[in-house]
């Protein structure tokens, strides 16, 4: 099978590895390593172990930011619904990881590139590789890009806050310029698009992601609020 260039995957992630060996390891399934005995190649299972913790941490971080009034039990149930084989394999599908993962012949012949378990595990290994190579802020940005639309789709009734109104009221209270929202990009097929919205308000620049333009605008406004509050506290 033709394997696309790893630079294409880096472009999708928005991160170029300073240590390409980490990226290669993240994509190396144990079935491939077993057929390459004597080569001394590590499989991706150790990275998968770390990646499971990384993805859970970031998802928990996002849930606490989005739902400040929810208790531990509610947050735990929401995280379990977001961080599971089905959801992670769906994200892996968006990245096209099935085309990049290195499988043994047997696993490849039995449609291993489409198996949810392999795709989910590879995504976790990849996030661990990004974390080790680029640090927490980089991997947080990547995981949140894919988790936020899932959180929106599974949001409890009435849980989504009106960040646009909050941000505009705050800006008006200091007599600042009104925020401007523009669609910076659209990704994915027509039936499952993700929108990227750019917010500009004076010196504040913020991006937002969502499955609709309105949700992406809300996400951009939330990020702009975070930026404003950080500046105000310094």
Foldseek 3Di string as FASTA:
>chain_A
DDADDVVLLCVVLVHDFPDVLLVLQLQEAPQQVVVVPPPPRHHLQVLLVVLLVLLLVLLLVVCCLLFVPDDPVVSVVVSVVCLDLVNLLVVLVLSQSLRHHDHHPVCVVVVVSNDSVSSSSSSSSNLSSCCVGPNNVSSSVRSCQSRVQVCVVVPDPPSGDQLLVVLQVVCVVVPFARKDKDWPDWDDDPVFIKTWIWIDTPPFIFIAIYSDSSRRVSRRSSVSVVVVVVVVVD
